[in-house]
Amino acid sequence: MPEELAYKIRNGEIRLKSQEKLHKTFNLNISEFALLEQLKQKWGFADYSQAVLYCIWNASVDDGIETV
């Protein structure tokens, strides 16, 4: 399931329907940022927005809120 989700995000199949711009500052400690960087590299995401989207969707699927 993570592979399928990462593939869909990388290829633009999962994204927000309305592209409203939102700028939010996240406060991450260095180890949390390092984990985000590792996910970005592992799944080949273009940027941190895709990595964060992956985390949100993965948690949502695990919780039964969304489906892939």
Protein backbone atom coordinates (compact mmCIF):
# COMPACT_ATOMS: atom_id res chain seq x y z
CA MET A 1 0.00 0.00 0.00
CA PRO A 2 2.74 2.61 0.74
CA GLU A 3 4.30 1.94 -2.69
CA GLU A 4 0.97 2.51 -4.46
CA LEU A 5 0.32 5.69 -2.50
CA ALA A 6 3.82 7.07 -3.17
CA TYR A 7 3.44 6.27 -6.88
CA LYS A 8 0.12 8.12 -7.10
CA ILE A 9 1.51 11.19 -5.31
CA ARG A 10 4.66 11.29 -7.47
CA ASN A 11 2.55 11.11 -10.64
CA GLY A 12 0.04 13.73 -9.55
CA GLU A 13 -2.86 11.32 -9.21
CA ILE A 14 -3.43 12.38 -5.60
CA ARG A 15 -3.49 16.10 -5.00
CA LEU A 16 -5.79 18.79 -3.78
CA LYS A 17 -8.71 19.47 -6.11
CA SER A 18 -8.51 23.19 -5.47
CA GLN A 19 -5.00 24.55 -5.47
CA GLU A 20 -5.41 27.25 -2.86
CA LYS A 21 -2.08 28.43 -1.61
CA LEU A 22 -1.55 28.08 2.10
CA HIS A 23 1.64 29.07 3.79
CA LYS A 24 2.09 27.56 7.21
CA THR A 25 5.19 27.31 9.30
CA PHE A 26 5.81 23.91 10.82
CA ASN A 27 7.95 23.65 13.89
CA LEU A 28 9.96 20.46 13.54
CA ASN A 29 12.94 19.41 15.54
CA ILE A 30 15.97 18.21 13.59
CA SER A 31 15.15 14.51 13.97
CA GLU A 32 11.58 15.02 12.68
CA PHE A 33 12.93 16.96 9.70
CA ALA A 34 15.45 14.19 9.08
CA LEU A 35 12.61 11.64 9.02
CA LEU A 36 10.72 13.78 6.51
CA GLU A 37 13.88 14.01 4.38
CA GLN A 38 14.29 10.22 4.52
CA LEU A 39 10.70 9.71 3.33
CA LYS A 40 11.26 12.24 0.54
CA GLN A 41 14.36 10.40 -0.63
CA LYS A 42 12.96 6.88 -0.16
CA TRP A 43 9.82 7.48 -2.22
CA GLY A 44 11.41 9.88 -4.74
CA PHE A 45 9.20 12.87 -4.00
CA ALA A 46 10.03 16.12 -5.77
CA ASP A 47 9.64 18.29 -2.69
CA TYR A 48 8.60 18.36 0.95
CA SER A 49 4.99 19.15 0.05
CA GLN A 50 4.71 15.72 -1.56
CA ALA A 51 6.35 14.09 1.46
CA VAL A 52 3.91 15.78 3.84
CA LEU A 53 0.98 14.86 1.57
CA TYR A 54 2.19 11.24 1.67
CA CYS A 55 2.27 11.30 5.48
CA ILE A 56 -1.23 12.77 5.72
CA TRP A 57 -2.74 10.35 3.20
CA ASN A 58 -0.93 7.35 4.69
CA ALA A 59 -2.25 8.15 8.16
CA SER A 60 -5.74 8.77 6.74
CA VAL A 61 -5.76 5.42 4.94
CA ASP A 62 -4.48 3.64 8.05
CA ASP A 63 -7.27 5.23 10.09
CA GLY A 64 -9.91 4.31 7.51
CA ILE A 65 -10.73 7.92 6.63
CA GLU A 66 -9.51 7.72 3.01
CA THR A 67 -8.85 5.03 0.42
CA VAL A 68 -6.11 4.88 -2.16
